[in-house]
Amino acid sequence: MFTSYVIETQGLSKTYKGVQALRSLDLKVQANSICGFLGPNGAGKTTAIKLLLGLARPTGGDGKVFGLDIVKENDQIRRKVGYLAQDPRFYEYMTARETLRFTASFFYAGPRAAIEQRVAETLDLVGLADKADRPVKGFSGGERQRLGIAQAQVNYPDLLILDEPAASLDPQGRHDVLDVMERLRKHTTIFYSTHILDDVQRVSDTVVILNRGELVAQGRIEEVLAWGQAVSFTLTIMGDSLGVETRLRSQPWITGLEEISRNGRVSWRIRVSDRAKAESELVPLALAGGGVTICEFGNKTQNLEDVFLKIVKESNHEH
């Protein structure tokens, strides 16, 4: 029975020589999403990926990919999954085109022209069409990662698992890899591990956070960003600030009003208990008395790095 979850695990765990690398992981990854799998180095991310791919056997619990059992039906899973290891290795003397042709030959027994077309499409998809016939040994780190993604993607997988795809890249290389991931989202589900949090906020729909082998948070990125935080808005005005403040303080759904700055303009951080009401009524309330100009209004979200550090710190205290 195939649910809308591409990956679903229950109590999945792995112990190596008495050390618990992964403990009771309940993971859910939805179809056609980009899911960022986060955690400090040594949190158990690579272990979890190895279990999903059948490269290691679980000590306890079970897992399904496409509704198929990760231990018993691993062969069927592997045909539908593309995988990029943390540090991909290539035959340095081969060109990008030859590398993909070589990989594609494991999957396709069809006419040569069909293979060539797939190789060309894949090179185009990862932005390497102009470097297709250069030997890999001259490639930059970013180009190697994109070739690695191309290799993982050449068999039209329904799931792409990438282990730290941008870990060792410079900002330009990381940007290029993220662009490729964005382009691939309409073709497949992407599950990728990383510890570079800015990237996750840019491309992911959902996040899973692991610490010391344990799942400490998972959900849509907006939910995780709002974790442990009252919803707050920022409002900056010019004009009758006293009138605005009086009107705001009279609203029962405004739970806190804190002045941030006053330099010709007045800015407040406004905590609210009702986000929808705040979105529709804060600006009209501010303008209601006249003599006021709104300079800035927005929802204040935390960045993922703050939330991540907070979640990891709290989970460390529980140990």
Protein backbone atom coordinates (compact mmCIF):
# COMPACT_ATOMS: atom_id res chain seq x y z
CA MET A 1 0.00 0.00 0.00
CA PHE A 2 1.65 3.26 -1.16
CA THR A 3 0.80 6.33 0.95
CA SER A 4 1.64 9.93 0.03
CA TYR A 5 4.88 9.46 1.97
CA VAL A 6 7.86 8.52 -0.16
CA ILE A 7 9.88 7.75 2.98
CA GLU A 8 8.29 6.54 6.21
CA THR A 9 10.14 4.97 9.13
CA GLN A 10 9.00 3.74 12.53
CA GLY A 11 11.39 3.35 15.43
CA LEU A 12 14.29 2.93 12.98
CA SER A 13 17.54 2.50 14.94
CA LYS A 14 21.13 1.45 14.45
CA THR A 15 23.79 0.48 16.98
CA TYR A 16 27.46 0.09 16.06
CA LYS A 17 29.59 -1.75 18.66
CA GLY A 18 27.37 -0.73 21.54
CA VAL A 19 27.10 2.92 20.39
CA GLN A 20 23.64 4.04 19.33
CA ALA A 21 24.14 6.01 16.09
CA LEU A 22 20.41 6.31 15.45
CA ARG A 23 17.63 5.88 17.96
CA SER A 24 13.96 5.28 17.20
CA LEU A 25 13.63 7.47 14.10
CA ASP A 26 10.05 8.21 12.96
CA LEU A 27 10.53 9.97 9.65
CA LYS A 28 7.96 11.09 7.10
CA VAL A 29 8.87 12.62 3.74
CA GLN A 30 6.09 13.62 1.34
CA ALA A 31 6.09 13.07 -2.40
CA ASN A 32 7.34 15.94 -4.59
CA SER A 33 8.86 17.86 -1.72
CA ILE A 34 12.39 19.04 -1.03
CA CYS A 35 13.20 17.88 2.48
CA GLY A 36 16.28 19.19 4.30
CA PHE A 37 17.71 16.63 6.74
CA LEU A 38 19.63 18.66 9.32
CA GLY A 39 21.87 18.00 12.24
CA PRO A 40 25.31 18.72 13.63
CA ASN A 41 28.12 16.52 12.28
CA GLY A 42 27.83 13.10 13.89
CA ALA A 43 24.08 13.43 14.52
CA GLY A 44 23.29 10.24 12.57
CA LYS A 45 22.27 11.67 9.18
CA THR A 46 24.57 9.47 7.06
CA THR A 47 23.60 6.40 9.12
CA ALA A 48 19.91 7.08 8.41
CA ILE A 49 20.62 7.47 4.68
CA LYS A 50 22.58 4.19 4.60
CA LEU A 51 19.66 2.37 6.23
CA LEU A 52 17.17 3.80 3.72
CA LEU A 53 19.39 2.68 0.82
CA GLY A 54 20.00 -0.79 2.24
CA LEU A 55 23.75 -0.06 2.66
CA ALA A 56 23.39 -0.94 6.35
CA ARG A 57 20.87 -3.11 8.23
CA PRO A 58 18.75 -1.63 11.00
CA THR A 59 19.23 -2.88 14.56
CA GLY A 60 15.58 -2.11 15.32
CA GLY A 61 12.38 -0.65 13.85
CA ASP A 62 11.48 -0.59 10.18
CA GLY A 63 11.26 1.70 7.20
CA LYS A 64 9.50 1.97 3.88
CA VAL A 65 10.43 3.80 0.70
CA PHE A 66 7.57 3.97 -1.87
CA GLY A 67 5.72 1.64 0.53
CA LEU A 68 8.44 -1.01 0.01
CA ASP A 69 10.34 -2.52 2.94
CA ILE A 70 13.92 -1.17 3.15
CA VAL A 71 15.35 -4.59 4.08
CA LYS A 72 13.21 -7.12 2.18
CA GLU A 73 12.47 -5.13 -0.98
CA ASN A 74 15.67 -3.16 -1.28
CA ASP A 75 16.36 -4.14 -4.91
CA GLN A 76 13.05 -2.64 -6.06
CA ILE A 77 13.71 0.54 -4.06
CA ARG A 78 17.21 1.02 -5.49
CA ARG A 79 15.86 1.02 -9.07
CA LYS A 80 13.70 4.05 -8.26
CA VAL A 81 16.23 6.02 -6.21
CA GLY A 82 19.15 8.25 -7.24
CA TYR A 83 21.91 8.66 -4.66
CA LEU A 84 24.78 11.14 -4.38
CA ALA A 85 27.40 10.23 -1.77
CA GLN A 86 29.03 12.96 0.29
CA ASP A 87 32.23 12.96 -1.75
CA PRO A 88 31.51 11.63 -5.25
CA ARG A 89 34.35 9.89 -7.08
CA PHE A 90 34.80 9.92 -10.85
CA TYR A 91 37.18 8.50 -13.43
CA GLU A 92 39.19 11.69 -13.88
CA TYR A 93 40.16 11.04 -17.51
CA MET A 94 36.52 10.65 -18.63
CA THR A 95 34.46 13.60 -19.85
CA ALA A 96 31.14 14.53 -18.24
CA ARG A 97 29.28 13.02 -21.21
CA GLU A 98 31.26 9.75 -21.01
CA THR A 99 30.66 9.57 -17.25
CA LEU A 100 26.89 9.85 -17.71
CA ARG A 101 26.88 7.49 -20.69
CA PHE A 102 28.70 4.92 -18.51
CA THR A 103 26.15 5.34 -15.66
CA ALA A 104 23.18 5.27 -18.05
CA SER A 105 24.37 1.97 -19.55
CA PHE A 106 23.52 0.26 -16.23
CA PHE A 107 19.89 1.35 -16.54
CA TYR A 108 19.07 1.37 -20.22
CA ALA A 109 19.29 -1.42 -22.72
CA GLY A 110 17.50 0.59 -25.41
CA PRO A 111 18.80 2.18 -28.63
CA ARG A 112 21.99 4.23 -28.45
CA ALA A 113 20.18 7.38 -29.62
CA ALA A 114 17.78 7.21 -26.64
CA ILE A 115 20.70 6.96 -24.21
CA GLU A 116 22.49 9.88 -25.89
CA GLN A 117 19.32 11.96 -25.67
CA ARG A 118 18.93 11.21 -21.95
CA VAL A 119 22.59 12.06 -21.31
CA ALA A 120 22.23 15.38 -23.18
CA GLU A 121 18.99 16.23 -21.29
CA THR A 122 20.63 15.48 -17.95
CA LEU A 123 23.72 17.58 -18.72
CA ASP A 124 21.43 20.43 -19.66
CA LEU A 125 19.37 20.03 -16.50
CA VAL A 126 22.45 20.48 -14.27
CA GLY A 127 23.94 23.29 -16.38
CA LEU A 128 26.92 21.34 -17.73
CA ALA A 129 25.99 21.18 -21.43
CA ASP A 130 28.83 23.59 -22.33
CA LYS A 131 31.41 21.47 -20.41
CA ALA A 132 30.09 18.09 -21.58
CA ASP A 133 33.22 17.06 -23.45
CA ARG A 134 35.88 18.21 -21.02
CA PRO A 135 37.67 15.72 -18.75
CA VAL A 136 36.34 15.67 -15.19
CA LYS A 137 39.83 16.29 -13.76
CA GLY A 138 39.55 19.98 -14.71
CA PHE A 139 36.16 20.47 -12.99
CA SER A 140 35.65 22.77 -9.99
CA GLY A 141 34.06 21.44 -6.79
CA GLY A 142 30.66 22.84 -7.78
CA GLU A 143 30.84 21.29 -11.25
CA ARG A 144 31.73 17.92 -9.71
CA GLN A 145 28.72 18.07 -7.40
CA ARG A 146 26.44 18.98 -10.31
CA LEU A 147 27.85 16.06 -12.30
CA GLY A 148 27.21 13.85 -9.26
CA ILE A 149 23.58 15.01 -9.17
CA ALA A 150 23.34 14.38 -12.93
CA GLN A 151 24.64 10.84 -12.38
CA ALA A 152 22.10 10.25 -9.60
CA GLN A 153 19.33 11.67 -11.81
CA VAL A 154 20.10 9.90 -15.10
CA ASN A 155 17.69 7.00 -14.46
CA TYR A 156 14.63 9.28 -13.85
CA PRO A 157 14.48 8.40 -10.14
CA ASP A 158 11.31 9.10 -8.15
CA LEU A 159 13.47 9.93 -5.14
CA LEU A 160 16.85 11.66 -5.03
CA ILE A 161 18.92 11.23 -1.85
CA LEU A 162 21.84 13.64 -1.57
CA ASP A 163 24.33 13.40 1.30
CA GLU A 164 25.78 16.86 2.07
CA PRO A 165 25.60 18.00 -1.58
CA ALA A 166 27.11 21.45 -0.93
CA ALA A 167 29.32 20.85 2.12
CA SER A 168 32.72 21.67 0.64
CA LEU A 169 31.68 24.26 -1.96
CA ASP A 170 32.30 27.99 -2.21
CA PRO A 171 29.23 30.32 -2.28
CA GLN A 172 28.99 30.23 -6.10
CA GLY A 173 29.20 26.42 -6.18
CA ARG A 174 26.54 26.15 -3.46
CA HIS A 175 24.29 28.56 -5.34
CA ASP A 176 24.62 26.48 -8.54
CA VAL A 177 23.83 23.21 -6.72
CA LEU A 178 20.73 24.78 -5.12
CA ASP A 179 19.59 26.00 -8.53
CA VAL A 180 19.84 22.45 -9.87
CA MET A 181 17.82 21.16 -6.90
CA GLU A 182 15.11 23.75 -7.57
CA ARG A 183 14.98 22.69 -11.23
CA LEU A 184 14.68 19.01 -10.27
CA ARG A 185 11.78 19.50 -7.87
CA LYS A 186 9.15 19.08 -10.60
CA HIS A 187 10.65 15.71 -11.61
CA THR A 188 11.26 14.03 -8.26
CA THR A 189 11.26 14.11 -4.44
CA ILE A 190 14.55 15.34 -2.96
CA PHE A 191 15.80 14.28 0.48
CA TYR A 192 19.17 15.79 1.31
CA SER A 193 21.31 16.03 4.39
CA THR A 194 23.21 19.19 5.23
CA HIS A 195 24.53 21.37 8.00
CA ILE A 196 24.44 24.59 5.90
CA LEU A 197 21.25 26.15 7.18
CA ASP A 198 20.91 29.19 4.91
CA ASP A 199 20.60 26.87 1.91
CA VAL A 200 17.79 24.93 3.52
CA GLN A 201 15.73 28.04 4.08
CA ARG A 202 16.11 28.88 0.39
CA VAL A 203 14.97 25.65 -1.25
CA SER A 204 13.24 23.30 1.22
CA ASP A 205 9.53 22.77 1.87
CA THR A 206 10.05 20.60 4.92
CA VAL A 207 12.86 20.01 7.41
CA VAL A 208 13.86 17.19 9.73
CA ILE A 209 16.31 17.93 12.56
CA LEU A 210 18.40 15.18 14.11
CA ASN A 211 20.63 15.55 17.16
CA ARG A 212 22.69 12.80 18.79
CA GLY A 213 20.88 10.17 16.74
CA GLU A 214 17.42 11.38 17.77
CA LEU A 215 14.70 13.19 15.84
CA VAL A 216 14.13 16.53 17.59
CA ALA A 217 11.89 18.35 15.07
CA GLN A 218 10.19 17.79 11.75
CA GLY A 219 7.59 19.69 9.77
CA ARG A 220 6.98 22.31 7.11
CA ILE A 221 9.69 24.93 7.18
CA GLU A 222 7.29 27.70 8.28
CA GLU A 223 6.14 25.58 11.24
CA VAL A 224 9.72 24.89 12.33
CA LEU A 225 10.64 28.58 11.95
CA ALA A 226 7.73 29.54 14.20
CA TRP A 227 8.83 26.93 16.76
CA GLY A 228 8.77 28.18 20.35
CA GLN A 229 7.89 31.68 19.24
CA ALA A 230 4.80 33.84 19.57
CA VAL A 231 3.85 35.29 16.19
CA SER A 232 5.21 38.81 15.91
CA PHE A 233 5.02 41.65 13.39
CA THR A 234 7.15 44.73 12.84
CA LEU A 235 5.43 48.08 12.19
CA THR A 236 7.28 51.33 11.39
CA ILE A 237 5.38 54.61 11.04
CA MET A 238 5.89 58.35 10.65
CA GLY A 239 3.42 60.74 12.30
CA ASP A 240 1.10 60.44 15.29
CA SER A 241 2.84 57.58 17.13
CA LEU A 242 0.99 58.19 20.40
CA GLY A 243 -2.42 57.78 18.72
CA VAL A 244 -1.27 54.57 17.00
CA GLU A 245 0.12 53.13 20.23
CA THR A 246 -3.13 53.89 22.10
CA ARG A 247 -5.22 52.15 19.44
CA LEU A 248 -2.93 49.11 19.34
CA ARG A 249 -2.87 48.69 23.14
CA SER A 250 -6.67 48.60 23.23
CA GLN A 251 -6.82 45.39 21.11
CA PRO A 252 -7.22 42.15 23.11
CA TRP A 253 -5.39 40.07 20.41
CA ILE A 254 -2.24 42.21 20.72
CA THR A 255 -0.29 40.51 23.51
CA GLY A 256 2.86 42.65 23.51
CA LEU A 257 4.05 45.98 22.12
CA GLU A 258 7.75 46.78 22.27
CA GLU A 259 9.31 49.92 20.83
CA ILE A 260 12.44 49.01 18.83
CA SER A 261 13.61 52.42 17.58
CA ARG A 262 12.61 56.05 17.35
CA ASN A 263 14.52 58.20 14.85
CA GLY A 264 12.04 60.37 13.00
CA ARG A 265 10.11 57.13 12.58
CA VAL A 266 8.81 54.84 15.30
CA SER A 267 9.18 51.04 15.04
CA TRP A 268 7.41 48.48 17.22
CA ARG A 269 7.64 44.75 17.56
CA ILE A 270 4.04 43.60 18.04
CA ARG A 271 3.27 40.14 19.45
CA VAL A 272 -0.18 38.82 18.58
CA SER A 273 -2.35 35.83 19.45
CA ASP A 274 -4.24 35.88 16.13
CA ARG A 275 -2.09 36.03 13.00
CA ALA A 276 -5.00 36.39 10.55
CA LYS A 277 -6.48 39.31 12.50
CA ALA A 278 -3.08 40.98 12.69
CA GLU A 279 -2.54 40.64 8.94
CA SER A 280 -5.91 42.20 8.10
CA GLU A 281 -6.29 44.79 10.90
CA LEU A 282 -2.89 46.13 12.03
CA VAL A 283 -2.44 48.56 9.12
CA PRO A 284 -6.04 49.92 9.16
CA LEU A 285 -5.74 50.39 12.96
CA ALA A 286 -2.52 52.34 12.57
CA LEU A 287 -4.04 54.58 9.88
CA ALA A 288 -7.41 55.04 11.60
CA GLY A 289 -6.68 58.41 13.27
CA GLY A 290 -5.14 60.07 10.19
CA GLY A 291 -1.80 61.88 10.12
CA VAL A 292 0.16 58.61 9.88
CA THR A 293 2.38 57.15 7.13
CA ILE A 294 3.28 53.45 7.17
CA CYS A 295 6.96 52.95 6.29
CA GLU A 296 7.26 49.22 6.94
CA PHE A 297 5.00 46.37 7.97
CA GLY A 298 5.89 42.69 8.06
CA ASN A 299 5.87 39.37 9.82
CA LYS A 300 9.00 38.82 11.87
CA THR A 301 10.28 35.28 11.39
CA GLN A 302 13.35 33.80 12.98
CA ASN A 303 16.03 32.46 10.72
CA LEU A 304 16.58 28.72 10.63
CA GLU A 305 19.98 28.95 12.25
CA ASP A 306 18.49 30.53 15.43
CA VAL A 307 15.75 27.91 15.63
CA PHE A 308 18.16 25.05 14.92
CA LEU A 309 20.59 26.15 17.67
CA LYS A 310 17.70 26.57 20.11
CA ILE A 311 16.24 23.12 19.33
CA VAL A 312 19.63 21.38 19.51
CA LYS A 313 20.51 23.15 22.78
CA GLU A 314 17.21 22.12 24.39
CA SER A 315 17.58 18.53 23.24
CA ASN A 316 21.13 18.44 24.68
CA HIS A 317 19.79 19.58 28.06
CA GLU A 318 17.31 16.71 28.08
CA HIS A 319 20.14 14.15 27.89
